[in-house]
PDB file of all heavy atoms in Angstrom:
ATOM      1  N   ALA A   1     109.693 104.731 102.047  1.00  0.00           N
ATOM      2  CA  ALA A   1     109.843 105.903 102.919  1.00  0.00           C
ATOM      3  C   ALA A   1     111.230 106.519 102.771  1.00  0.00           C
ATOM      4  O   ALA A   1     111.391 107.742 102.824  1.00  0.00           O
ATOM      5  CB  ALA A   1     109.596 105.492 104.370  1.00  0.00           C
ATOM      6  N   ARG A   2     112.235 105.679 102.560  1.00  0.00           N
ATOM      7  CA  ARG A   2     113.613 106.176 102.423  1.00  0.00           C
ATOM      8  C   ARG A   2     113.809 106.901 101.087  1.00  0.00           C
ATOM      9  O   ARG A   2     114.514 107.909 101.027  1.00  0.00           O
ATOM     10  CB  ARG A   2     114.587 105.003 102.531  1.00  0.00           C
ATOM     11  CG  ARG A   2     116.062 105.376 102.523  1.00  0.00           C
ATOM     12  CD  ARG A   2     116.497 105.993 103.828  1.00  0.00           C
ATOM     13  NE  ARG A   2     116.410 105.033 104.922  1.00  0.00           N
ATOM     14  CZ  ARG A   2     117.374 104.184 105.247  1.00  0.00           C
ATOM     15  NH1 ARG A   2     118.507 104.178 104.556  1.00  0.00           N
ATOM     16  NH2 ARG A   2     117.225 103.370 106.262  1.00  0.00           N
ATOM     17  N   THR A   3     113.226 106.380 100.003  1.00  0.00           N
ATOM     18  CA  THR A   3     113.418 106.978  98.677  1.00  0.00           C
ATOM     19  C   THR A   3     112.448 108.112  98.397  1.00  0.00           C
ATOM     20  O   THR A   3     112.706 108.948  97.535  1.00  0.00           O
ATOM     21  CB  THR A   3     113.259 105.911  97.578  1.00  0.00           C
ATOM     22  OG1 THR A   3     111.949 105.331  97.668  1.00  0.00           O
ATOM     23  CG2 THR A   3     114.312 104.823  97.735  1.00  0.00           C
ATOM     24  N   GLY A   4     111.312 108.119  99.111  1.00  0.00           N
ATOM     25  CA  GLY A   4     110.328 109.169  98.900  1.00  0.00           C
ATOM     26  C   GLY A   4     109.325 108.879  97.805  1.00  0.00           C
ATOM     27  O   GLY A   4     108.498 109.734  97.470  1.00  0.00           O
ATOM     28  N   ALA A   5     109.366 107.668  97.223  1.00  0.00           N
ATOM     29  CA  ALA A   5     108.439 107.322  96.149  1.00  0.00           C
ATOM     30  C   ALA A   5     108.366 105.805  96.005  1.00  0.00           C
ATOM     31  O   ALA A   5     109.348 105.101  96.309  1.00  0.00           O
ATOM     32  CB  ALA A   5     108.876 107.953  94.827  1.00  0.00           C
ATOM     33  N   PRO A   6     107.217 105.267  95.516  1.00  0.00           N
ATOM     34  CA  PRO A   6     107.116 103.819  95.292  1.00  0.00           C
ATOM     35  C   PRO A   6     108.061 103.367  94.183  1.00  0.00           C
ATOM     36  O   PRO A   6     108.544 104.178  93.384  1.00  0.00           O
ATOM     37  CB  PRO A   6     105.646 103.636  94.877  1.00  0.00           C
ATOM     38  CG  PRO A   6     104.939 104.868  95.341  1.00  0.00           C
ATOM     39  CD  PRO A   6     105.950 105.967  95.265  1.00  0.00           C
ATOM     40  N   ALA A   7     108.330 102.067  94.130  1.00  0.00           N
ATOM     41  CA  ALA A   7     109.221 101.511  93.111  1.00  0.00           C
ATOM     42  C   ALA A   7     108.686 101.794  91.713  1.00  0.00           C
ATOM     43  O   ALA A   7     107.512 101.545  91.420  1.00  0.00           O
ATOM     44  CB  ALA A   7     109.376 100.011  93.314  1.00  0.00           C
ATOM     45  N   GLY A   8     109.543 102.329  90.835  1.00  0.00           N
ATOM     46  CA  GLY A   8     109.174 102.582  89.451  1.00  0.00           C
ATOM     47  C   GLY A   8     108.356 103.822  89.205  1.00  0.00           C
ATOM     48  O   GLY A   8     108.079 104.162  88.049  1.00  0.00           O
ATOM     49  N   ALA A   9     107.962 104.525  90.259  1.00  0.00           N
ATOM     50  CA  ALA A   9     107.107 105.700  90.085  1.00  0.00           C
ATOM     51  C   ALA A   9     107.941 106.959  89.870  1.00  0.00           C
ATOM     52  O   ALA A   9     108.989 107.124  90.483  1.00  0.00           O
ATOM     53  CB  ALA A   9     106.207 105.880  91.308  1.00  0.00           C
ATOM     54  N   ARG A  10     107.459 107.832  88.974  1.00  0.00           N
ATOM     55  CA  ARG A  10     108.100 109.130  88.781  1.00  0.00           C
ATOM     56  C   ARG A  10     107.503 110.120  89.782  1.00  0.00           C
ATOM     57  O   ARG A  10     106.287 110.264  89.856  1.00  0.00           O
ATOM     58  CB  ARG A  10     107.878 109.643  87.354  1.00  0.00           C
ATOM     59  CG  ARG A  10     108.540 108.776  86.287  1.00  0.00           C
ATOM     60  CD  ARG A  10     108.254 109.341  84.904  1.00  0.00           C
ATOM     61  NE  ARG A  10     108.894 108.563  83.873  1.00  0.00           N
ATOM     62  CZ  ARG A  10     110.139 108.753  83.445  1.00  0.00           C
ATOM     63  NH1 ARG A  10     110.872 109.717  83.986  1.00  0.00           N
ATOM     64  NH2 ARG A  10     110.646 108.005  82.493  1.00  0.00           N
ATOM     65  N   SER A  11     108.360 110.768  90.523  1.00  0.00           N
ATOM     66  CA  SER A  11     107.860 111.681  91.542  1.00  0.00           C
ATOM     67  C   SER A  11     108.882 112.779  91.809  1.00  0.00           C
ATOM     68  O   SER A  11     110.076 112.493  91.925  1.00  0.00           O
ATOM     69  CB  SER A  11     107.567 110.922  92.847  1.00  0.00           C
ATOM     70  OG  SER A  11     107.278 111.827  93.896  1.00  0.00           O
ATOM     71  N   PRO A  12     108.427 114.040  91.906  1.00  0.00           N
ATOM     72  CA  PRO A  12     109.357 115.139  92.244  1.00  0.00           C
ATOM     73  C   PRO A  12     109.865 115.040  93.685  1.00  0.00           C
ATOM     74  O   PRO A  12     110.842 115.695  94.041  1.00  0.00           O
ATOM     75  CB  PRO A  12     108.496 116.396  92.041  1.00  0.00           C
ATOM     76  CG  PRO A  12     107.084 115.917  92.230  1.00  0.00           C
ATOM     77  CD  PRO A  12     107.052 114.528  91.689  1.00  0.00           C
ATOM     78  N   ASP A  13     109.208 114.218  94.487  1.00  0.00           N
ATOM     79  CA  ASP A  13     109.612 114.064  95.890  1.00  0.00           C
ATOM     80  C   ASP A  13     110.655 112.970  96.086  1.00  0.00           C
ATOM     81  O   ASP A  13     111.091 112.731  97.209  1.00  0.00           O
ATOM     82  CB  ASP A  13     108.377 113.738  96.753  1.00  0.00           C
ATOM     83  CG  ASP A  13     107.344 114.851  96.725  1.00  0.00           C
ATOM     84  OD1 ASP A  13     107.751 116.025  96.658  1.00  0.00           O
ATOM     85  OD2 ASP A  13     106.138 114.534  96.756  1.00  0.00           O
ATOM     86  N   ARG A  14     111.041 112.290  94.994  1.00  0.00           N
ATOM     87  CA  ARG A  14     111.984 111.185  95.139  1.00  0.00           C
ATOM     88  C   ARG A  14     113.344 111.696  95.628  1.00  0.00           C
ATOM     89  O   ARG A  14     113.885 112.673  95.115  1.00  0.00           O
ATOM     90  CB  ARG A  14     112.151 110.454  93.805  1.00  0.00           C
ATOM     91  CG  ARG A  14     113.137 109.279  93.873  1.00  0.00           C
ATOM     92  CD  ARG A  14     113.212 108.537  92.555  1.00  0.00           C
ATOM     93  NE  ARG A  14     111.972 107.820  92.266  1.00  0.00           N
ATOM     94  CZ  ARG A  14     111.657 106.650  92.803  1.00  0.00           C
ATOM     95  NH1 ARG A  14     112.481 106.080  93.679  1.00  0.00           N
ATOM     96  NH2 ARG A  14     110.524 106.064  92.492  1.00  0.00           N
ATOM     97  N   LEU A  15     113.912 110.998  96.630  1.00  0.00           N
ATOM     98  CA  LEU A  15     115.177 111.397  97.225  1.00  0.00           C
ATOM     99  C   LEU A  15     116.364 110.638  96.641  1.00  0.00           C
ATOM    100  O   LEU A  15     117.472 111.170  96.568  1.00  0.00           O
ATOM    101  CB  LEU A  15     115.128 111.170  98.739  1.00  0.00           C
ATOM    102  CG  LEU A  15     114.004 111.899  99.485  1.00  0.00           C
ATOM    103  CD1 LEU A  15     113.980 111.478 100.947  1.00  0.00           C
ATOM    104  CD2 LEU A  15     114.174 113.402  99.352  1.00  0.00           C
ATOM    105  N   THR A  16     116.134 109.397  96.241  1.00  0.00           N
ATOM    106  CA  THR A  16     117.194 108.587  95.647  1.00  0.00           C
ATOM    107  C   THR A  16     116.566 107.443  94.863  1.00  0.00           C
ATOM    108  O   THR A  16     115.363 107.182  94.978  1.00  0.00           O
ATOM    109  CB  THR A  16     118.145 108.032  96.729  1.00  0.00           C
ATOM    110  OG1 THR A  16     119.230 107.346  96.094  1.00  0.00           O
ATOM    111  CG2 THR A  16     117.425 107.062  97.656  1.00  0.00           C
ATOM    112  N   GLN A  17     117.387 106.757  94.067  1.00  0.00           N
ATOM    113  CA  GLN A  17     116.911 105.653  93.244  1.00  0.00           C
ATOM    114  C   GLN A  17     117.310 104.319  93.867  1.00  0.00           C
ATOM    115  O   GLN A  17     118.268 104.222  94.621  1.00  0.00           O
ATOM    116  CB  GLN A  17     117.529 105.748  91.841  1.00  0.00           C
ATOM    117  CG  GLN A  17     117.215 107.032  91.103  1.00  0.00           C
ATOM    118  CD  GLN A  17     115.798 107.073  90.592  1.00  0.00           C
ATOM    119  OE1 GLN A  17     115.166 106.042  90.416  1.00  0.00           O
ATOM    120  NE2 GLN A  17     115.291 108.281  90.339  1.00  0.00           N
ATOM    121  N   ARG A  18     116.554 103.285  93.536  1.00  0.00           N
ATOM    122  CA  ARG A  18     116.947 101.932  93.917  1.00  0.00           C
ATOM    123  C   ARG A  18     118.099 101.473  93.026  1.00  0.00           C
ATOM    124  O   ARG A  18     118.289 102.000  91.930  1.00  0.00           O
ATOM    125  CB  ARG A  18     115.765 100.972  93.764  1.00  0.00           C
ATOM    126  CG  ARG A  18     114.597 101.316  94.685  1.00  0.00           C
ATOM    127  CD  ARG A  18     113.472 100.339  94.492  1.00  0.00           C
ATOM    128  NE  ARG A  18     112.331 100.677  95.327  1.00  0.00           N
ATOM    129  CZ  ARG A  18     111.663  99.809  96.070  1.00  0.00           C
ATOM    130  NH1 ARG A  18     112.030  98.542  96.080  1.00  0.00           N
ATOM    131  NH2 ARG A  18     110.629 100.193  96.789  1.00  0.00           N
ATOM    132  N   ASN A  19     118.827 100.471  93.513  1.00  0.00           N
ATOM    133  CA  ASN A  19     119.998 100.013  92.766  1.00  0.00           C
ATOM    134  C   ASN A  19     120.125  98.494  92.880  1.00  0.00           C
ATOM    135  O   ASN A  19     121.171  97.965  93.270  1.00  0.00           O
ATOM    136  CB  ASN A  19     121.258 100.712  93.298  1.00  0.00           C
ATOM    137  CG  ASN A  19     122.469 100.458  92.425  1.00  0.00           C
ATOM    138  OD1 ASN A  19     122.347 100.258  91.222  1.00  0.00           O
ATOM    139  ND2 ASN A  19     123.647 100.454  93.039  1.00  0.00           N
ATOM    140  N   GLY A  20     119.055  97.781  92.543  1.00  0.00           N
ATOM    141  CA  GLY A  20     119.089  96.325  92.572  1.00  0.00           C
ATOM    142  C   GLY A  20     118.863  95.762  93.966  1.00  0.00           C
ATOM    143  O   GLY A  20     118.324  96.435  94.852  1.00  0.00           O
ATOM    144  N   TYR A  21     119.302  94.514  94.139  1.00  0.00           N
ATOM    145  CA  TYR A  21     119.092  93.813  95.413  1.00  0.00           C
ATOM    146  C   TYR A  21     120.361  93.069  95.805  1.00  0.00           C
ATOM    147  O   TYR A  21     121.230  92.799  94.982  1.00  0.00           O
ATOM    148  CB  TYR A  21     117.948  92.795  95.283  1.00  0.00           C
ATOM    149  CG  TYR A  21     116.596  93.410  95.018  1.00  0.00           C
ATOM    150  CD1 TYR A  21     116.183  93.711  93.716  1.00  0.00           C
ATOM    151  CD2 TYR A  21     115.721  93.690  96.071  1.00  0.00           C
ATOM    152  CE1 TYR A  21     114.937  94.281  93.472  1.00  0.00           C
ATOM    153  CE2 TYR A  21     114.480  94.251  95.833  1.00  0.00           C
ATOM    154  CZ  TYR A  21     114.087  94.550  94.536  1.00  0.00           C
ATOM    155  OH  TYR A  21     112.863  95.106  94.303  1.00  0.00           O
ATOM    156  N   ARG A  22     120.464  92.754  97.086  1.00  0.00           N
ATOM    157  CA  ARG A  22     121.517  91.858  97.563  1.00  0.00           C
ATOM    158  C   ARG A  22     120.865  90.756  98.383  1.00  0.00           C
ATOM    159  O   ARG A  22     119.890  90.992  99.108  1.00  0.00           O
ATOM    160  CB  ARG A  22     122.548  92.606  98.401  1.00  0.00           C
ATOM    161  CG  ARG A  22     122.038  93.131  99.727  1.00  0.00           C
ATOM    162  CD  ARG A  22     123.132  93.894 100.464  1.00  0.00           C
ATOM    163  NE  ARG A  22     122.663  94.374 101.764  1.00  0.00           N
ATOM    164  CZ  ARG A  22     122.783  93.697 102.894  1.00  0.00           C
ATOM    165  NH1 ARG A  22     123.359  92.510 102.885  1.00  0.00           N
ATOM    166  NH2 ARG A  22     122.338  94.180 104.038  1.00  0.00           N
ATOM    167  N   ASP A  23     121.381  89.559  98.246  1.00  0.00           N
ATOM    168  CA  ASP A  23     120.818  88.398  98.946  1.00  0.00           C
ATOM    169  C   ASP A  23     121.428  88.271 100.335  1.00  0.00           C
ATOM    170  O   ASP A  23     122.629  88.491 100.531  1.00  0.00           O
ATOM    171  CB  ASP A  23     121.082  87.116  98.153  1.00  0.00           C
ATOM    172  CG  ASP A  23     120.384  87.138  96.802  1.00  0.00           C
ATOM    173  OD1 ASP A  23     119.304  87.740  96.719  1.00  0.00           O
ATOM    174  OD2 ASP A  23     120.928  86.556  95.843  1.00  0.00           O
ATOM    175  N   ARG A  24     120.586  87.903 101.301  1.00  0.00           N
ATOM    176  CA  ARG A  24     121.072  87.672 102.664  1.00  0.00           C
ATOM    177  C   ARG A  24     120.154  86.668 103.356  1.00  0.00           C
ATOM    178  O   ARG A  24     118.928  86.825 103.328  1.00  0.00           O
ATOM    179  CB  ARG A  24     121.100  88.974 103.455  1.00  0.00           C
ATOM    180  CG  ARG A  24     121.435  88.763 104.931  1.00  0.00           C
ATOM    181  CD  ARG A  24     121.791  90.034 105.620  1.00  0.00           C
ATOM    182  NE  ARG A  24     121.995  89.836 107.051  1.00  0.00           N
ATOM    183  CZ  ARG A  24     122.517  90.718 107.875  1.00  0.00           C
ATOM    184  NH1 ARG A  24     122.931  91.865 107.413  1.00  0.00           N
ATOM    185  NH2 ARG A  24     122.646  90.459 109.161  1.00  0.00           N
ATOM    186  N   PRO A  25     120.717  85.633 103.973  1.00  0.00           N
ATOM    187  CA  PRO A  25     119.889  84.676 104.710  1.00  0.00           C
ATOM    188  C   PRO A  25     119.436  85.263 106.043  1.00  0.00           C
ATOM    189  O   PRO A  25     120.170  86.023 106.676  1.00  0.00           O
ATOM    190  CB  PRO A  25     120.821  83.482 104.912  1.00  0.00           C
ATOM    191  CG  PRO A  25     122.191  84.066 104.896  1.00  0.00           C
ATOM    192  CD  PRO A  25     122.139  85.235 103.956  1.00  0.00           C
ATOM    193  N   TRP A  26     118.243  84.881 106.463  1.00  0.00           N
ATOM    194  CA  TRP A  26     117.687  85.344 107.740  1.00  0.00           C
ATOM    195  C   TRP A  26     117.263  84.111 108.522  1.00  0.00           C
ATOM    196  O   TRP A  26     116.334  83.400 108.124  1.00  0.00           O
ATOM    197  CB  TRP A  26     116.501  86.272 107.483  1.00  0.00           C
ATOM    198  CG  TRP A  26     115.851  86.804 108.726  1.00  0.00           C
ATOM    199  CD1 TRP A  26     116.432  87.054 109.919  1.00  0.00           C
ATOM    200  CD2 TRP A  26     114.467  87.170 108.870  1.00  0.00           C
ATOM    201  NE1 TRP A  26     115.517  87.554 110.810  1.00  0.00           N
ATOM    202  CE2 TRP A  26     114.304  87.642 110.204  1.00  0.00           C
ATOM    203  CE3 TRP A  26     113.366  87.163 108.017  1.00  0.00           C
ATOM    204  CZ2 TRP A  26     113.071  88.080 110.680  1.00  0.00           C
ATOM    205  CZ3 TRP A  26     112.144  87.606 108.498  1.00  0.00           C
ATOM    206  CH2 TRP A  26     111.999  88.059 109.816  1.00  0.00           C
ATOM    207  N   ASP A  27     117.960  83.836 109.610  1.00  0.00           N
ATOM    208  CA  ASP A  27     117.647  82.678 110.447  1.00  0.00           C
ATOM    209  C   ASP A  27     116.540  83.033 111.429  1.00  0.00           C
ATOM    210  O   ASP A  27     116.686  83.952 112.242  1.00  0.00           O
ATOM    211  CB  ASP A  27     118.890  82.212 111.205  1.00  0.00           C
ATOM    212  CG  ASP A  27     119.945  81.635 110.278  1.00  0.00           C
ATOM    213  OD1 ASP A  27     119.554  80.903 109.358  1.00  0.00           O
ATOM    214  OD2 ASP A  27     121.145  81.921 110.468  1.00  0.00           O
ATOM    215  N   THR A  28     115.426  82.300 111.344  1.00  0.00           N
ATOM    216  CA  THR A  28     114.275  82.540 112.209  1.00  0.00           C
ATOM    217  C   THR A  28     113.925  81.262 112.962  1.00  0.00           C
ATOM    218  O   THR A  28     114.532  80.208 112.750  1.00  0.00           O
ATOM    219  CB  THR A  28     113.054  82.986 111.392  1.00  0.00           C
ATOM    220  OG1 THR A  28     112.554  81.859 110.645  1.00  0.00           O
ATOM    221  CG2 THR A  28     113.424  84.092 110.407  1.00  0.00           C
ATOM    222  N   ARG A  29     112.919  81.323 113.819  1.00  0.00           N
ATOM    223  CA  ARG A  29     112.494  80.158 114.598  1.00  0.00           C
ATOM    224  C   ARG A  29     111.825  79.102 113.735  1.00  0.00           C
ATOM    225  O   ARG A  29     111.624  77.970 114.169  1.00  0.00           O
ATOM    226  CB  ARG A  29     111.549  80.610 115.719  1.00  0.00           C
ATOM    227  CG  ARG A  29     112.229  81.517 116.724  1.00  0.00           C
ATOM    228  CD  ARG A  29     111.268  82.102 117.723  1.00  0.00           C
ATOM    229  NE  ARG A  29     110.714  81.091 118.613  1.00  0.00           N
ATOM    230  CZ  ARG A  29     109.897  81.362 119.628  1.00  0.00           C
ATOM    231  NH1 ARG A  29     109.538  82.612 119.864  1.00  0.00           N
ATOM    232  NH2 ARG A  29     109.439  80.402 120.397  1.00  0.00           N
ATOM    233  N   VAL A  30     111.455  79.472 112.509  1.00  0.00           N
ATOM    234  CA  VAL A  30     110.832  78.485 111.611  1.00  0.00           C
ATOM    235  C   VAL A  30     111.770  78.104 110.472  1.00  0.00           C
ATOM    236  O   VAL A  30     111.338  77.512 109.486  1.00  0.00           O
ATOM    237  CB  VAL A  30     109.489  79.025 111.042  1.00  0.00           C
ATOM    238  CG1 VAL A  30     108.463  79.141 112.132  1.00  0.00           C
ATOM    239  CG2 VAL A  30     109.696  80.360 110.332  1.00  0.00           C
ATOM    240  N   GLY A  31     113.055  78.446 110.621  1.00  0.00           N
ATOM    241  CA  GLY A  31     114.018  78.072 109.593  1.00  0.00           C
ATOM    242  C   GLY A  31     114.589  79.284 108.885  1.00  0.00           C
ATOM    243  O   GLY A  31     114.281  80.438 109.197  1.00  0.00           O
ATOM    244  N   ARG A  32     115.449  79.013 107.915  1.00  0.00           N
ATOM    245  CA  ARG A  32     116.141  80.086 107.184  1.00  0.00           C
ATOM    246  C   ARG A  32     115.261  80.634 106.071  1.00  0.00           C
ATOM    247  O   ARG A  32     114.652  79.873 105.303  1.00  0.00           O
ATOM    248  CB  ARG A  32     117.453  79.563 106.618  1.00  0.00           C
ATOM    249  CG  ARG A  32     118.189  80.533 105.711  1.00  0.00           C
ATOM    250  CD  ARG A  32     119.624  80.132 105.485  1.00  0.00           C
ATOM    251  NE  ARG A  32     120.406  80.257 106.714  1.00  0.00           N
ATOM    252  CZ  ARG A  32     121.734  80.161 106.750  1.00  0.00           C
ATOM    253  NH1 ARG A  32     122.416  79.939 105.654  1.00  0.00           N
ATOM    254  NH2 ARG A  32     122.376  80.292 107.882  1.00  0.00           N
ATOM    255  N   ILE A  33     115.237  81.965 105.974  1.00  0.00           N
ATOM    256  CA  ILE A  33     114.492  82.659 104.929  1.00  0.00           C
ATOM    257  C   ILE A  33     115.493  83.454 104.095  1.00  0.00           C
ATOM    258  O   ILE A  33     116.320  84.186 104.639  1.00  0.00           O
ATOM    259  CB  ILE A  33     113.431  83.604 105.524  1.00  0.00           C
ATOM    260  CG1 ILE A  33     112.364  82.792 106.278  1.00  0.00           C
ATOM    261  CG2 ILE A  33     112.781  84.451 104.433  1.00  0.00           C
ATOM    262  CD1 ILE A  33     111.369  83.654 107.020  1.00  0.00           C
ATOM    263  N   ASP A  34     115.435  83.288 102.785  1.00  0.00           N
ATOM    264  CA  ASP A  34     116.333  84.009 101.883  1.00  0.00           C
ATOM    265  C   ASP A  34     115.713  85.356 101.527  1.00  0.00           C
ATOM    266  O   ASP A  34     114.664  85.417 100.865  1.00  0.00           O
ATOM    267  CB  ASP A  34     116.604  83.193 100.617  1.00  0.00           C
ATOM    268  CG  ASP A  34     117.386  81.921 100.919  1.00  0.00           C
ATOM    269  OD1 ASP A  34     118.292  81.989 101.775  1.00  0.00           O
ATOM    270  OD2 ASP A  34     117.090  80.869 100.317  1.00  0.00           O
ATOM    271  N   LEU A  35     116.348  86.419 101.978  1.00  0.00           N
ATOM    272  CA  LEU A  35     115.850  87.769 101.733  1.00  0.00           C
ATOM    273  C   LEU A  35     116.548  88.393 100.530  1.00  0.00           C
ATOM    274  O   LEU A  35     117.721  88.127 100.279  1.00  0.00           O
ATOM    275  CB  LEU A  35     116.086  88.655 102.949  1.00  0.00           C
ATOM    276  CG  LEU A  35     115.430  88.250 104.270  1.00  0.00           C
ATOM    277  CD1 LEU A  35     115.882  89.198 105.382  1.00  0.00           C
ATOM    278  CD2 LEU A  35     113.914  88.258 104.147  1.00  0.00           C
ATOM    279  N   SER A  36     115.819  89.218  99.799  1.00  0.00           N
ATOM    280  CA  SER A  36     116.389  90.061  98.750  1.00  0.00           C
ATOM    281  C   SER A  36     116.237  91.500  99.222  1.00  0.00           C
ATOM    282  O   SER A  36     115.155  92.093  99.129  1.00  0.00           O
ATOM    283  CB  SER A  36     115.669  89.847  97.416  1.00  0.00           C
ATOM    284  OG  SER A  36     115.901  88.544  96.928  1.00  0.00           O
ATOM    285  N   ILE A  37     117.327  92.049  99.757  1.00  0.00           N
ATOM    286  CA  ILE A  37     117.283  93.372 100.378  1.00  0.00           C
ATOM    287  C   ILE A  37     117.559  94.444  99.330  1.00  0.00           C
ATOM    288  O   ILE A  37     118.584  94.392  98.642  1.00  0.00           O
ATOM    289  CB  ILE A  37     118.310  93.463 101.515  1.00  0.00           C
ATOM    290  CG1 ILE A  37     118.025  92.382 102.566  1.00  0.00           C
ATOM    291  CG2 ILE A  37     118.295  94.850 102.155  1.00  0.00           C
ATOM    292  CD1 ILE A  37     119.052  92.336 103.680  1.00  0.00           C
ATOM    293  N   PRO A  38     116.663  95.409  99.166  1.00  0.00           N
ATOM    294  CA  PRO A  38     116.890  96.473  98.175  1.00  0.00           C
ATOM    295  C   PRO A  38     118.136  97.287  98.486  1.00  0.00           C
ATOM    296  O   PRO A  38     118.459  97.534  99.653  1.00  0.00           O
ATOM    297  CB  PRO A  38     115.624  97.340  98.303  1.00  0.00           C
ATOM    298  CG  PRO A  38     114.601  96.450  98.937  1.00  0.00           C
ATOM    299  CD  PRO A  38     115.365  95.550  99.847  1.00  0.00           C
ATOM    300  N   LYS A  39     118.850  97.690  97.436  1.00  0.00           N
ATOM    301  CA  LYS A  39     120.004  98.575  97.580  1.00  0.00           C
ATOM    302  C   LYS A  39     119.637  99.952  97.033  1.00  0.00           C
ATOM    303  O   LYS A  39     118.788 100.079  96.142  1.00  0.00           O
ATOM    304  CB  LYS A  39     121.211  98.018  96.820  1.00  0.00           C
ATOM    305  CG  LYS A  39     121.716  96.692  97.365  1.00  0.00           C
ATOM    306  CD  LYS A  39     123.093  96.343  96.820  1.00  0.00           C
ATOM    307  CE  LYS A  39     123.058  96.126  95.327  1.00  0.00           C
ATOM    308  NZ  LYS A  39     124.367  95.677  94.791  1.00  0.00           N
ATOM    309  N   LEU A  40     120.300 100.984  97.548  1.00  0.00           N
ATOM    310  CA  LEU A  40     120.031 102.356  97.128  1.00  0.00           C
ATOM    311  C   LEU A  40     121.266 102.956  96.467  1.00  0.00           C
ATOM    312  O   LEU A  40     122.398 102.583  96.777  1.00  0.00           O
ATOM    313  CB  LEU A  40     119.637 103.214  98.335  1.00  0.00           C
ATOM    314  CG  LEU A  40     118.479 102.693  99.198  1.00  0.00           C
ATOM    315  CD1 LEU A  40     118.244 103.633 100.373  1.00  0.00           C
ATOM    316  CD2 LEU A  40     117.222 102.532  98.372  1.00  0.00           C
ATOM    317  N   ARG A  41     121.039 103.879  95.531  1.00  0.00           N
ATOM    318  CA  ARG A  41     122.181 104.543  94.872  1.00  0.00           C
ATOM    319  C   ARG A  41     122.905 105.482  95.833  1.00  0.00           C
ATOM    320  O   ARG A  41     124.113 105.657  95.751  1.00  0.00           O
ATOM    321  CB  ARG A  41     121.700 105.328  93.649  1.00  0.00           C
ATOM    322  CG  ARG A  41     121.211 104.441  92.514  1.00  0.00           C
ATOM    323  CD  ARG A  41     121.014 105.232  91.239  1.00  0.00           C
ATOM    324  NE  ARG A  41     120.508 104.383  90.173  1.00  0.00           N
ATOM    325  CZ  ARG A  41     121.269 103.615  89.416  1.00  0.00           C
ATOM    326  NH1 ARG A  41     122.568 103.597  89.618  1.00  0.00           N
ATOM    327  NH2 ARG A  41     120.740 102.866  88.465  1.00  0.00           N
ATOM    328  N   LYS A  42     122.169 106.094  96.760  1.00  0.00           N
ATOM    329  CA  LYS A  42     122.766 106.980  97.755  1.00  0.00           C
ATOM    330  C   LYS A  42     122.382 106.474  99.142  1.00  0.00           C
ATOM    331  O   LYS A  42     121.215 106.231  99.410  1.00  0.00           O
ATOM    332  CB  LYS A  42     122.285 108.430  97.574  1.00  0.00           C
ATOM    333  CG  LYS A  42     122.759 109.088  96.291  1.00  0.00           C
ATOM    334  CD  LYS A  42     122.273 110.530  96.227  1.00  0.00           C
ATOM    335  CE  LYS A  42     122.741 111.205  94.930  1.00  0.00           C
ATOM    336  NZ  LYS A  42     122.244 112.612  94.855  1.00  0.00           N
ATOM    337  N   GLY A  43     123.383 106.347 100.008  1.00  0.00           N
ATOM    338  CA  GLY A  43     123.106 105.865 101.351  1.00  0.00           C
ATOM    339  C   GLY A  43     123.007 104.354 101.388  1.00  0.00           C
ATOM    340  O   GLY A  43     123.275 103.659 100.405  1.00  0.00           O
ATOM    341  N   SER A  44     122.645 103.821 102.529  1.00  0.00           N
ATOM    342  CA  SER A  44     122.534 102.380 102.707  1.00  0.00           C
ATOM    343  C   SER A  44     121.205 102.048 103.373  1.00  0.00           C
ATOM    344  O   SER A  44     120.568 102.907 103.993  1.00  0.00           O
ATOM    345  CB  SER A  44     123.693 101.853 103.560  1.00  0.00           C
ATOM    346  OG  SER A  44     123.691 102.460 104.841  1.00  0.00           O
ATOM    347  N   TYR A  45     120.797 100.794 103.247  1.00  0.00           N
ATOM    348  CA  TYR A  45     119.548 100.352 103.858  1.00  0.00           C
ATOM    349  C   TYR A  45     119.722  98.971 104.450  1.00  0.00           C
ATOM    350  O   TYR A  45     120.244  98.058 103.800  1.00  0.00           O
ATOM    351  CB  TYR A  45     118.415 100.319 102.820  1.00  0.00           C
ATOM    352  CG  TYR A  45     117.190  99.579 103.317  1.00  0.00           C
ATOM    353  CD1 TYR A  45     116.423 100.097 104.350  1.00  0.00           C
ATOM    354  CD2 TYR A  45     116.834  98.346 102.773  1.00  0.00           C
ATOM    355  CE1 TYR A  45     115.318  99.408 104.830  1.00  0.00           C
ATOM    356  CE2 TYR A  45     115.733  97.660 103.244  1.00  0.00           C
ATOM    357  CZ  TYR A  45     114.976  98.188 104.276  1.00  0.00           C
ATOM    358  OH  TYR A  45     113.894  97.501 104.752  1.00  0.00           O
ATOM    359  N   LEU A  46     119.315  98.812 105.705  1.00  0.00           N
ATOM    360  CA  LEU A  46     119.284  97.521 106.378  1.00  0.00           C
ATOM    361  C   LEU A  46     117.937  97.413 107.073  1.00  0.00           C
ATOM    362  O   LEU A  46     117.560  98.316 107.828  1.00  0.00           O
ATOM    363  CB  LEU A  46     120.418  97.411 107.396  1.00  0.00           C
ATOM    364  CG  LEU A  46     120.630  96.022 108.007  1.00  0.00           C
ATOM    365  CD1 LEU A  46     121.174  95.057 106.951  1.00  0.00           C
ATOM    366  CD2 LEU A  46     121.613  96.099 109.171  1.00  0.00           C
ATOM    367  N   PRO A  47     117.170  96.348 106.822  1.00  0.00           N
ATOM    368  CA  PRO A  47     115.843  96.220 107.438  1.00  0.00           C
ATOM    369  C   PRO A  47     115.907  96.324 108.955  1.00  0.00           C
ATOM    370  O   PRO A  47     116.842  95.818 109.588  1.00  0.00           O
ATOM    371  CB  PRO A  47     115.387  94.826 106.998  1.00  0.00           C
ATOM    372  CG  PRO A  47     116.154  94.547 105.752  1.00  0.00           C
ATOM    373  CD  PRO A  47     117.478  95.215 105.938  1.00  0.00           C
ATOM    374  N   THR A  48     114.922  96.981 109.536  1.00  0.00           N
ATOM    375  CA  THR A  48     114.928  97.205 110.982  1.00  0.00           C
ATOM    376  C   THR A  48     114.801  95.907 111.766  1.00  0.00           C
ATOM    377  O   THR A  48     115.193  95.851 112.934  1.00  0.00           O
ATOM    378  CB  THR A  48     113.762  98.131 111.374  1.00  0.00           C
ATOM    379  OG1 THR A  48     112.528  97.568 110.895  1.00  0.00           O
ATOM    380  CG2 THR A  48     113.948  99.513 110.772  1.00  0.00           C
TER     381      THR A  48
END
């Protein structure tokens, strides 16, 4: 929704490109989950 197009798809509606991933641990009630959070070339993204 942020980029305007699915990963790897060519689209005239695309707003920005992905730029790899960054690792971040997520502590939950069932233990730690290792997340790979997508990075963007323009702007920033943090899961809601």
